[in-house]
Amino acid sequence: MAELNYEDFKRRINIQDLLIDAGYSLNKCDGLRYPSYVRMESDGRRVRGDKFIVTGNGLCCFQPPEQKNYNVISFIKEHPHFFSEYTPGMNTDRLVNLVCNRLLNHPIDRRPSVVAGRERSEKVFDLQEYKRLDFRKDDWDSQKAFYPYFKSRGITLDAQRAFSNNFFITMRETSNGKTYTNLSFPLRKPNDLATIVGLEERGRANAEGKAIYKGMAAGSNATEGMWIASPSGETLDKVKNVYWFEGAYDAMAFYQITKNELKNGKNRDSKKELSRLDKSVFVSTGGNPSIHQFKGMIAETPEANHHLCFDRDRAGQMFAINFALTKAGKTFNTHVTPKGKLIVVDTTDKYQQHELNPELFEFNRLLKILGADAQTQRSEMTEYMESLRNKEDIFSGDEYLLPPDLLKAYGRYEVACEEFHSAKYSGLVCKEDLEDIGDELKTSYEAYKAAMKNAASQYESAGRTIYQPCEKEYKDWNDQLLDKKIATEEDNVVNKASENSVLAGNTPEERDEENNEEEERTCHFHR
């Protein structure tokens, strides 16, 4: 049976049938010349603001007040979460084929190898297909081979040594006789760190300092696998802090920046902070993070604090929201409109659509709006703990920020303290009475200290989620390391995700073929 193409779909599928399949109903209150379709709540009421109007030619629709027209193809691509075939991160061209062929009752005999954007390879990743060169701390000659990869990124030998067990150079000869060499960051699943399930690959920089290639090795399990590294080798069951990034270069840059700040700072506890940094786990999702990556790591580190260090752009903001919603146990879909608005569709209990203003991206406030703040701010101690002037001293914060019960305990201790000192220096209180007042002071202090330690312990084990992007002048942590400031307004999320999305099977030997493809490429935000 012949395969159908986009022109077949646009010619044979009615946009109104597609709207119905997407869950919309004909709005009988509107005229028939320009039919409109609306979404209905479970109680039969219309969802306000969720309406599509069919254009005069009957081939397209638009969602007022925007005048952008969607045909059958673009409607599916920009609203993938409306269709049952969709899974987070799937290729939207694949989704178009699945939906349209189903509506036409046209079975798909085989999966195309290339459809606008490259599909994930069906082959299983095999590290034995590669020659491997390791970075050995005691061998300068082995380290020199890594210079071309890290020099342009500004990553020092000190940072390379810290992560030397978690990257290597791979060489692979292809069927056309060419040998491709890349810096490779091994991917592992959090519940099976002994097995490498793929590679996050980076090519050498060219003369202008730009990376020639970035992608995933053929057959990589980039849905569940991720780069997981700890400078000290801390195990996941003991780790207290997990730092999330879109690329391994960013993780190493963050480590280098933070370590330099701690070494050059005047904090007397810098040694403890450096030890804490080395005992942290650094994660790279290799591009657009998937829900499976989030769930896998959360399951292995339920008590850890998760620091979301994704890029400071629309997509990075959405990844942070996705993580918090995943951790909160929500069922959801997210996407970014061409105008840069973040749209969250929450179907946990009932259909709810939230439109978030990315210009006012206040992470904790947005989580409250989405009902996901319980996972990130479940401790009343948050404000107080964030006010600590010495992170190792739980009594160095602003007392007025303490929760009510602790504030009362502190008040009793403060009153007892004032009474004791007043009695001691007044000279009017006998020794026996002063000892009684001192005992009351000691009792109130011990009660306050015990309550504080208990509250701080619960806070530390709460598994907080912390939004921690780079400084506002930069796009990501590696750019901050290089002091490469944003020169113009950041690109819209479509351009960003096209650049950042790395699909397994998109290997170096396939680059030339891909560059010749002229069909429109789309992007997505989950793998």
Protein backbone atom coordinates (compact mmCIF):
# COMPACT_ATOMS: atom_id res chain seq x y z
CA MET A 1 0.00 0.00 0.00
CA ALA A 2 1.43 3.37 -1.04
CA GLU A 3 2.52 5.75 1.68
CA LEU A 4 0.58 8.99 2.04
CA ASN A 5 2.31 12.36 2.21
CA TYR A 6 1.38 15.74 3.67
CA GLU A 7 -0.48 16.83 0.54
CA ASP A 8 -2.63 13.71 0.77
CA PHE A 9 -3.43 14.48 4.40
CA LYS A 10 -4.36 18.12 3.71
CA ARG A 11 -6.50 17.13 0.74
CA ARG A 12 -8.33 14.18 2.31
CA ILE A 13 -8.78 15.18 5.98
CA ASN A 14 -11.38 17.76 6.95
CA ILE A 15 -10.14 20.24 9.56
CA GLN A 16 -13.48 19.91 11.37
CA ASP A 17 -13.03 16.14 11.71
CA LEU A 18 -9.57 16.79 13.15
CA LEU A 19 -10.98 19.25 15.71
CA ILE A 20 -13.54 16.68 16.82
CA ASP A 21 -10.84 14.05 17.14
CA ALA A 22 -8.86 16.52 19.27
CA GLY A 23 -11.73 16.71 21.74
CA TYR A 24 -13.63 19.77 20.49
CA SER A 25 -17.37 19.99 19.84
CA LEU A 26 -19.30 22.06 17.31
CA ASN A 27 -20.57 25.25 18.93
CA LYS A 28 -24.17 25.36 17.74
CA CYS A 29 -24.60 28.91 19.00
CA ASP A 30 -22.32 30.23 16.24
CA GLY A 31 -23.19 30.46 12.58
CA LEU A 32 -22.60 27.66 10.08
CA ARG A 33 -20.74 29.84 7.60
CA TYR A 34 -17.77 30.04 9.96
CA PRO A 35 -18.26 27.05 12.29
CA SER A 36 -16.54 27.20 15.67
CA TYR A 37 -15.45 24.36 17.90
CA VAL A 38 -15.14 24.55 21.69
CA ARG A 39 -13.90 22.30 24.47
CA MET A 40 -16.43 21.15 27.06
CA GLU A 41 -15.92 20.51 30.78
CA SER A 42 -17.07 17.22 32.30
CA ASP A 43 -20.15 19.03 33.64
CA GLY A 44 -21.16 20.15 30.15
CA ARG A 45 -19.96 23.76 30.43
CA ARG A 46 -17.70 25.40 27.87
CA VAL A 47 -14.04 26.00 28.67
CA ARG A 48 -13.77 29.75 28.26
CA GLY A 49 -11.10 30.99 25.87
CA ASP A 50 -10.60 27.57 24.29
CA LYS A 51 -12.25 27.99 20.89
CA PHE A 52 -11.25 27.39 17.26
CA ILE A 53 -13.01 28.98 14.28
CA VAL A 54 -12.94 27.33 10.85
CA THR A 55 -11.85 29.71 8.08
CA GLY A 56 -13.97 30.60 5.07
CA ASN A 57 -12.31 28.09 2.75
CA GLY A 58 -12.91 25.30 5.28
CA LEU A 59 -9.30 24.14 5.10
CA CYS A 60 -7.90 25.84 8.19
CA CYS A 61 -8.85 27.09 11.63
CA PHE A 62 -7.62 29.75 14.03
CA GLN A 63 -7.92 30.46 17.75
CA PRO A 64 -9.04 34.03 18.46
CA PRO A 65 -7.77 36.57 19.26
CA GLU A 66 -4.72 35.29 17.33
CA GLN A 67 -5.17 35.25 13.58
CA LYS A 68 -2.67 32.46 12.90
CA ASN A 69 -4.21 29.81 10.65
CA TYR A 70 -3.63 26.12 11.25
CA ASN A 71 -4.06 23.50 8.56
CA VAL A 72 -4.30 19.79 9.37
CA ILE A 73 -0.51 19.40 9.61
CA SER A 74 0.34 22.50 11.63
CA PHE A 75 -2.61 21.96 14.00
CA ILE A 76 -1.30 18.54 15.01
CA LYS A 77 2.26 19.76 15.33
CA GLU A 78 1.41 22.73 17.53
CA HIS A 79 -1.14 20.87 19.67
CA PRO A 80 0.39 17.39 19.98
CA HIS A 81 -1.05 16.81 23.47
CA PHE A 82 -4.59 16.75 22.00
CA PHE A 83 -4.04 13.33 20.41
CA SER A 84 -3.90 9.87 21.95
CA GLU A 85 -0.86 8.85 19.87
CA TYR A 86 1.27 11.52 21.51
CA THR A 87 3.91 10.66 24.08
CA PRO A 88 6.14 13.37 25.60
CA GLY A 89 9.06 14.11 23.33
CA MET A 90 8.01 12.15 20.27
CA ASN A 91 8.83 13.50 16.82
CA THR A 92 5.89 15.63 15.67
CA ASP A 93 6.20 14.49 12.07
CA ARG A 94 5.80 10.94 13.30
CA LEU A 95 2.73 12.08 15.23
CA VAL A 96 1.23 13.64 12.08
CA ASN A 97 1.66 10.34 10.24
CA LEU A 98 0.07 8.32 13.03
CA VAL A 99 -2.94 10.61 13.52
CA CYS A 100 -3.68 11.24 9.85
CA ASN A 101 -3.31 7.62 8.81
CA ARG A 102 -5.63 6.59 11.63
CA LEU A 103 -8.26 9.13 10.58
CA LEU A 104 -8.01 7.83 7.00
CA ASN A 105 -8.12 4.22 8.18
CA HIS A 106 -4.82 3.73 6.40
CA PRO A 107 -2.49 1.26 8.19
CA ILE A 108 1.20 2.10 8.35
CA ASP A 109 3.16 -0.88 7.06
CA ARG A 110 6.57 0.26 8.17
CA ARG A 111 8.17 3.11 10.03
CA PRO A 112 9.97 5.59 7.73
CA SER A 113 13.66 6.02 8.48
CA VAL A 114 13.58 9.76 7.85
CA VAL A 115 10.46 11.95 8.13
CA ALA A 116 11.34 15.66 8.18
CA GLY A 117 13.10 15.24 11.52
CA ARG A 118 15.14 12.10 12.11
CA GLU A 119 13.49 9.35 14.15
CA ARG A 120 15.33 7.53 16.90
CA SER A 121 17.33 4.62 15.58
CA GLU A 122 15.91 1.19 16.32
CA LYS A 123 19.35 -0.32 16.86
CA VAL A 124 20.55 -1.01 20.39
CA PHE A 125 23.54 0.94 21.61
CA ASP A 126 26.74 -1.09 21.81
CA LEU A 127 29.85 0.49 23.32
CA GLN A 128 31.96 -2.31 21.81
CA GLU A 129 31.53 -0.67 18.40
CA TYR A 130 33.74 2.21 19.54
CA LYS A 131 37.43 2.57 20.26
CA ARG A 132 37.87 4.43 23.53
CA LEU A 133 40.51 6.81 24.89
CA ASP A 134 40.34 7.54 28.62
CA PHE A 135 41.50 10.62 30.52
CA ARG A 136 44.09 9.34 33.00
CA LYS A 137 45.03 11.67 35.84
CA ASP A 138 48.59 10.34 36.04
CA ASP A 139 49.27 10.41 32.29
CA TRP A 140 49.78 13.81 30.68
CA ASP A 141 49.91 12.35 27.18
CA SER A 142 46.40 10.92 27.58
CA GLN A 143 45.12 14.28 28.79
CA LYS A 144 46.46 16.23 25.78
CA ALA A 145 43.98 14.54 23.44
CA PHE A 146 41.11 16.25 25.31
CA TYR A 147 42.52 19.76 24.92
CA PRO A 148 40.67 20.63 21.65
CA TYR A 149 37.30 19.77 23.23
CA PHE A 150 37.64 21.62 26.51
CA LYS A 151 39.79 24.60 25.50
CA SER A 152 37.03 26.38 23.57
CA ARG A 153 34.67 25.77 26.49
CA GLY A 154 37.00 27.36 29.04
CA ILE A 155 37.00 24.25 31.22
CA THR A 156 40.24 23.86 33.16
CA LEU A 157 42.28 20.75 33.86
CA ASP A 158 41.13 20.90 37.47
CA ALA A 159 37.49 20.54 36.43
CA GLN A 160 38.42 17.87 33.88
CA ARG A 161 40.18 15.85 36.57
CA ALA A 162 37.15 16.16 38.86
CA PHE A 163 34.94 14.47 36.25
CA SER A 164 37.60 12.34 34.54
CA ASN A 165 35.78 9.09 35.31
CA ASN A 166 32.70 10.31 33.48
CA PHE A 167 33.89 11.18 29.97
CA PHE A 168 36.17 9.72 27.31
CA ILE A 169 36.95 10.07 23.61
CA THR A 170 35.32 7.60 21.23
CA MET A 171 36.30 6.69 17.68
CA ARG A 172 34.06 4.84 15.29
CA GLU A 173 34.63 3.76 11.71
CA THR A 174 31.51 3.77 9.52
CA SER A 175 30.55 1.79 6.46
CA ASN A 176 31.75 4.59 4.17
CA GLY A 177 35.27 4.25 5.53
CA LYS A 178 35.28 7.47 7.52
CA THR A 179 36.30 7.58 11.18
CA TYR A 180 34.39 9.90 13.49
CA THR A 181 35.93 11.03 16.78
CA ASN A 182 33.96 12.71 19.55
CA LEU A 183 34.13 13.61 23.20
CA SER A 184 31.58 11.30 24.81
CA PHE A 185 29.69 11.52 28.07
CA PRO A 186 28.24 8.10 29.00
CA LEU A 187 24.51 7.80 29.68
CA ARG A 188 23.26 5.61 32.49
CA LYS A 189 19.91 4.91 34.06
CA PRO A 190 19.73 5.94 37.73
CA ASN A 191 18.66 2.45 38.81
CA ASP A 192 21.51 0.76 36.91
CA LEU A 193 24.68 2.84 37.01
CA ALA A 194 26.86 -0.10 35.96
CA THR A 195 25.45 -0.18 32.42
CA ILE A 196 26.18 2.46 29.77
CA VAL A 197 23.05 2.86 27.63
CA GLY A 198 24.27 5.57 25.26
CA LEU A 199 26.57 8.52 24.71
CA GLU A 200 26.07 12.27 24.73
CA GLU A 201 28.53 13.28 22.00
CA ARG A 202 30.33 16.55 21.28
CA GLY A 203 32.63 17.26 18.36
CA ARG A 204 35.68 19.44 18.19
CA ALA A 205 35.25 23.19 17.88
CA ASN A 206 36.07 24.81 14.54
CA ALA A 207 38.31 27.83 13.98
CA GLU A 208 35.55 30.16 15.20
CA GLY A 209 35.20 28.16 18.42
CA LYS A 210 31.80 26.72 17.49
CA ALA A 211 30.98 23.07 17.96
CA ILE A 212 30.78 21.17 14.68
CA TYR A 213 28.61 18.39 16.03
CA LYS A 214 26.47 17.65 19.05
CA GLY A 215 24.12 14.73 19.38
CA MET A 216 23.55 11.24 20.71
CA ALA A 217 25.28 8.05 19.66
CA ALA A 218 23.20 5.71 17.52
CA GLY A 219 20.87 3.54 19.58
CA SER A 220 21.26 5.60 22.77
CA ASN A 221 18.50 5.27 25.33
CA ALA A 222 18.10 9.02 25.71
CA THR A 223 14.61 8.64 27.17
CA GLU A 224 15.75 7.07 30.45
CA GLY A 225 19.52 7.41 30.32
CA MET A 226 21.42 10.53 31.37
CA TRP A 227 24.93 11.62 32.27
CA ILE A 228 25.34 11.12 36.02
CA ALA A 229 28.58 12.23 37.69
CA SER A 230 29.90 12.96 41.17
CA PRO A 231 33.48 14.22 41.65
CA SER A 232 33.79 12.29 44.92
CA GLY A 233 31.94 9.22 43.64
CA GLU A 234 29.02 9.74 46.03
CA THR A 235 26.31 7.09 45.61
CA LEU A 236 22.76 8.12 44.79
CA ASP A 237 21.31 6.73 48.00
CA LYS A 238 23.54 9.08 50.03
CA VAL A 239 23.59 12.19 47.87
CA LYS A 240 22.07 15.37 49.33
CA ASN A 241 22.19 17.64 46.26
CA VAL A 242 21.46 16.89 42.62
CA TYR A 243 22.20 19.54 39.97
CA TRP A 244 20.35 19.33 36.63
CA PHE A 245 21.67 20.66 33.29
CA GLU A 246 20.86 20.35 29.61
CA GLY A 247 24.44 19.45 28.72
CA ALA A 248 27.52 18.03 30.43
CA TYR A 249 29.61 21.07 29.44
CA ASP A 250 27.22 23.27 31.45
CA ALA A 251 27.52 20.98 34.47
CA MET A 252 31.31 21.15 34.40
CA ALA A 253 31.20 24.92 33.91
CA PHE A 254 28.89 25.33 36.92
CA TYR A 255 31.21 23.18 39.04
CA GLN A 256 34.24 25.25 37.98
CA ILE A 257 32.50 28.59 38.64
CA THR A 258 31.17 27.51 42.03
CA LYS A 259 34.48 26.00 43.15
CA ASN A 260 36.39 29.16 42.21
CA GLU A 261 33.91 31.32 44.10
CA LEU A 262 34.26 29.16 47.21
CA LYS A 263 38.05 29.17 47.03
CA ASN A 264 38.26 32.94 46.53
CA GLY A 265 35.53 33.81 49.02
CA LYS A 266 35.96 34.79 52.63
CA ASN A 267 33.51 32.24 54.00
CA ARG A 268 35.23 30.47 56.88
CA ASP A 269 33.24 27.33 56.04
CA SER A 270 34.43 27.21 52.43
CA LYS A 271 36.11 23.83 53.02
CA LYS A 272 32.81 22.30 54.08
CA GLU A 273 31.07 23.88 51.10
CA LEU A 274 33.74 22.53 48.75
CA SER A 275 33.31 19.08 50.25
CA ARG A 276 29.55 19.36 49.81
CA LEU A 277 30.02 20.40 46.17
CA ASP A 278 32.26 17.40 45.46
CA LYS A 279 29.75 15.06 47.09
CA SER A 280 26.92 16.37 44.90
CA VAL A 281 25.65 14.62 41.79
CA PHE A 282 25.64 16.43 38.45
CA VAL A 283 23.18 15.37 35.78
CA SER A 284 22.98 16.17 32.08
CA THR A 285 19.80 15.27 30.23
CA GLY A 286 21.63 15.63 26.90
CA GLY A 287 19.19 18.24 25.62
CA ASN A 288 15.44 18.32 26.18
CA PRO A 289 14.78 16.40 29.43
CA SER A 290 12.20 13.65 29.41
CA ILE A 291 9.68 12.80 32.10
CA HIS A 292 11.29 9.36 32.43
CA GLN A 293 14.64 10.96 33.22
CA PHE A 294 13.02 13.06 35.94
CA LYS A 295 11.11 10.15 37.45
CA GLY A 296 14.10 7.82 37.36
CA MET A 297 16.38 10.18 39.28
CA ILE A 298 13.68 11.31 41.74
CA ALA A 299 12.96 7.67 42.60
CA GLU A 300 16.63 7.06 43.49
CA THR A 301 17.15 10.35 45.37
CA PRO A 302 13.83 11.03 47.16
CA GLU A 303 15.43 12.98 50.03
CA ALA A 304 17.89 15.02 47.96
CA ASN A 305 17.60 18.68 47.07
CA HIS A 306 17.24 19.14 43.31
CA HIS A 307 18.82 22.25 41.79
CA LEU A 308 17.39 23.12 38.37
CA CYS A 309 20.24 24.74 36.44
CA PHE A 310 18.69 24.58 32.97
CA ASP A 311 19.35 27.29 30.38
CA ARG A 312 17.94 30.74 31.07
CA ASP A 313 15.47 30.83 28.18
CA ARG A 314 11.86 29.85 27.50
CA ALA A 315 12.62 26.18 27.03
CA GLY A 316 14.80 26.07 30.14
CA GLN A 317 12.01 27.67 32.16
CA MET A 318 9.60 25.07 30.88
CA PHE A 319 11.97 22.25 31.78
CA ALA A 320 12.06 23.58 35.36
CA ILE A 321 8.25 23.67 35.48
CA ASN A 322 8.11 20.15 34.03
CA PHE A 323 10.41 18.83 36.75
CA ALA A 324 8.35 20.38 39.56
CA LEU A 325 5.09 19.07 38.10
CA THR A 326 6.61 15.60 37.70
CA LYS A 327 7.85 15.61 41.27
CA ALA A 328 4.42 16.73 42.45
CA GLY A 329 2.86 13.70 40.72
CA LYS A 330 0.93 15.75 38.18
CA THR A 331 -0.37 14.48 34.83
CA PHE A 332 0.33 17.29 32.39
CA ASN A 333 1.47 18.56 29.00
CA THR A 334 3.40 21.75 28.39
CA HIS A 335 4.31 23.74 25.32
CA VAL A 336 5.40 27.22 24.32
CA THR A 337 3.43 29.30 21.84
CA PRO A 338 5.20 31.02 18.93
CA LYS A 339 4.87 34.25 20.95
CA GLY A 340 6.78 32.70 23.84
CA LYS A 341 3.95 32.06 26.32
CA LEU A 342 4.22 28.99 28.53
CA ILE A 343 1.10 26.83 28.38
CA VAL A 344 0.53 24.12 30.99
CA VAL A 345 -2.34 21.66 30.55
CA ASP A 346 -3.01 19.84 33.83
CA THR A 347 -5.22 16.75 33.54
CA THR A 348 -4.46 15.28 36.98
CA ASP A 349 -8.02 15.65 38.25
CA LYS A 350 -9.77 17.54 35.50
CA TYR A 351 -8.78 19.54 32.45
CA GLN A 352 -7.09 22.79 33.48
CA GLN A 353 -5.10 25.07 31.21
CA HIS A 354 -2.72 27.67 32.61
CA GLU A 355 -1.08 30.41 30.59
CA LEU A 356 2.09 31.64 32.28
CA ASN A 357 3.80 34.92 31.54
CA PRO A 358 7.49 34.09 30.98
CA GLU A 359 8.47 37.74 31.37
CA LEU A 360 7.57 37.44 35.07
CA PHE A 361 9.09 34.01 35.66
CA GLU A 362 9.00 33.64 39.43
CA PHE A 363 9.46 29.92 39.91
CA ASN A 364 7.95 29.47 43.37
CA ARG A 365 5.00 31.76 42.62
CA LEU A 366 4.20 29.88 39.43
CA LEU A 367 4.30 26.56 41.25
CA LYS A 368 1.69 27.87 43.68
CA ILE A 369 -0.52 28.79 40.73
CA LEU A 370 -0.06 25.29 39.31
CA GLY A 371 -0.68 23.61 42.66
CA ALA A 372 2.80 22.07 42.71
CA ASP A 373 4.36 24.19 45.45
CA ALA A 374 3.88 21.57 48.18
CA GLN A 375 6.89 19.69 46.84
CA THR A 376 9.17 22.70 46.80
CA GLN A 377 8.04 24.65 49.85
CA ARG A 378 6.58 22.02 52.11
CA SER A 379 8.63 23.21 55.07
CA GLU A 380 7.65 26.32 57.01
CA MET A 381 11.36 26.74 57.66
CA THR A 382 12.15 27.74 54.05
CA GLU A 383 12.28 31.52 54.51
CA TYR A 384 14.24 31.27 57.73
CA MET A 385 16.78 28.78 56.36
CA GLU A 386 17.32 30.93 53.29
CA SER A 387 18.20 33.84 55.59
CA LEU A 388 21.11 32.01 57.29
CA ARG A 389 24.26 34.10 57.27
CA ASN A 390 26.31 30.99 58.03
CA LYS A 391 24.95 27.89 56.30
CA GLU A 392 26.48 25.66 58.95
CA ASP A 393 24.90 27.55 61.86
CA ILE A 394 21.12 27.04 62.03
CA PHE A 395 20.84 29.85 64.61
CA SER A 396 22.32 32.52 62.31
CA GLY A 397 19.09 33.42 60.50
CA ASP A 398 16.47 36.13 61.02
CA GLU A 399 14.34 34.99 63.95
CA TYR A 400 11.25 36.87 62.81
CA LEU A 401 11.07 34.46 59.84
CA LEU A 402 10.64 31.42 62.11
CA PRO A 403 7.33 29.52 61.96
CA PRO A 404 4.86 30.38 64.80
CA ASP A 405 5.71 27.51 67.20
CA LEU A 406 9.44 28.08 66.96
CA LEU A 407 8.98 31.82 67.24
CA LYS A 408 7.13 31.27 70.54
CA ALA A 409 9.94 29.01 71.81
CA TYR A 410 12.48 31.65 70.83
CA GLY A 411 10.39 34.30 72.59
CA ARG A 412 10.39 32.33 75.83
CA TYR A 413 14.15 31.89 75.60
CA GLU A 414 14.67 35.58 74.84
CA VAL A 415 12.53 36.69 77.80
CA ALA A 416 14.37 34.29 80.14
CA CYS A 417 17.71 35.54 78.84
CA GLU A 418 16.80 39.19 79.44
CA GLU A 419 15.48 38.40 82.91
CA PHE A 420 18.67 36.54 83.87
CA HIS A 421 21.01 39.28 82.69
CA SER A 422 18.88 41.95 84.29
CA ALA A 423 18.91 40.09 87.60
CA LYS A 424 22.63 39.31 87.37
CA TYR A 425 23.78 42.86 86.80
CA SER A 426 21.25 44.62 89.00
CA GLY A 427 22.91 43.42 92.21
CA LEU A 428 19.49 43.15 93.84
CA VAL A 429 18.91 39.40 93.46
CA CYS A 430 20.37 36.89 95.88
CA LYS A 431 22.53 34.01 94.68
CA GLU A 432 19.84 31.32 95.19
CA ASP A 433 17.21 33.25 93.19
CA LEU A 434 19.73 34.00 90.45
CA GLU A 435 20.48 30.28 90.14
CA ASP A 436 16.75 29.55 89.78
CA ILE A 437 16.45 32.19 87.05
CA GLY A 438 19.54 30.68 85.39
CA ASP A 439 17.95 27.22 85.46
CA GLU A 440 14.84 28.63 83.76
CA LEU A 441 17.07 30.22 81.11
CA LYS A 442 18.86 26.91 80.54
CA THR A 443 15.58 25.00 80.29
CA SER A 444 14.06 27.46 77.78
CA TYR A 445 17.26 27.48 75.72
CA GLU A 446 17.49 23.67 75.58
CA ALA A 447 13.85 23.50 74.51
CA TYR A 448 14.42 26.11 71.80
CA LYS A 449 17.64 24.43 70.60
CA ALA A 450 16.01 20.99 70.40
CA ALA A 451 13.01 22.36 68.47
CA MET A 452 15.32 24.21 66.06
CA LYS A 453 17.46 21.15 65.37
CA ASN A 454 14.40 19.03 64.76
CA ALA A 455 12.87 21.59 62.39
CA ALA A 456 16.17 22.07 60.54
CA SER A 457 16.61 18.31 60.21
CA GLN A 458 13.14 17.97 58.68
CA TYR A 459 13.87 20.88 56.36
CA GLU A 460 17.15 19.37 55.15
CA SER A 461 15.47 16.04 54.41
CA ALA A 462 12.50 17.63 52.67
CA GLY A 463 13.96 17.20 49.20
CA ARG A 464 13.56 20.80 48.06
CA THR A 465 13.42 21.90 44.44
CA ILE A 466 15.54 24.98 43.78
CA TYR A 467 15.49 27.02 40.56
CA GLN A 468 19.14 27.95 39.95
CA PRO A 469 19.84 29.23 36.42
CA CYS A 470 22.91 31.20 35.40
CA GLU A 471 23.13 34.99 35.75
CA LYS A 472 20.62 37.03 33.72
CA GLU A 473 23.25 38.27 31.27
CA TYR A 474 23.94 34.76 29.97
CA LYS A 475 22.05 31.94 28.25
CA ASP A 476 23.65 29.03 30.08
CA TRP A 477 26.37 28.19 32.59
CA ASN A 478 29.05 27.57 29.97
CA ASP A 479 28.39 31.00 28.47
CA GLN A 480 28.74 32.48 31.95
CA LEU A 481 32.08 30.74 32.37
CA LEU A 482 33.21 32.22 29.04
CA ASP A 483 31.64 35.60 29.90
CA LYS A 484 29.67 35.29 26.67
CA LYS A 485 26.78 37.63 27.32
CA ILE A 486 23.52 37.65 25.41
CA ALA A 487 23.91 40.24 22.66
CA THR A 488 20.33 40.30 21.38
CA GLU A 489 16.91 39.21 22.55
CA GLU A 490 16.86 35.49 23.12
CA ASP A 491 15.49 33.43 20.28
CA ASN A 492 11.99 32.04 20.49
CA VAL A 493 11.66 28.56 21.86
CA VAL A 494 11.24 26.94 18.46
CA ASN A 495 14.70 28.03 17.32
CA LYS A 496 16.18 27.18 20.68
CA ALA A 497 14.79 23.67 20.85
CA SER A 498 15.78 22.99 17.23
CA GLU A 499 19.35 23.80 18.19
CA ASN A 500 19.30 22.00 21.53
CA SER A 501 17.20 18.91 20.87
CA VAL A 502 19.39 15.86 20.35
CA LEU A 503 17.73 12.73 19.05
CA ALA A 504 19.31 9.33 19.29
CA GLY A 505 20.31 8.16 15.83
CA ASN A 506 21.43 11.65 14.82
CA THR A 507 25.02 10.52 14.42
CA PRO A 508 27.91 12.44 12.83
CA GLU A 509 27.86 10.34 9.68
CA GLU A 510 24.24 11.39 9.12
CA ARG A 511 24.88 15.13 9.26
CA ASP A 512 25.47 15.64 5.56
CA GLU A 513 22.27 13.79 4.68
CA GLU A 514 20.27 15.83 7.17
CA ASN A 515 21.59 19.14 5.87
CA ASN A 516 20.08 18.32 2.48
CA GLU A 517 16.60 17.72 3.84
CA GLU A 518 14.36 20.61 2.85
CA GLU A 519 11.19 19.67 4.68
CA GLU A 520 10.16 21.87 7.59
CA ARG A 521 11.58 20.70 10.90
CA THR A 522 9.67 21.09 14.11
CA CYS A 523 10.72 20.82 17.74
CA HIS A 524 9.39 19.37 20.95
CA PHE A 525 10.14 19.65 24.59
CA HIS A 526 10.09 16.10 25.92
CA ARG A 527 11.93 13.14 24.59
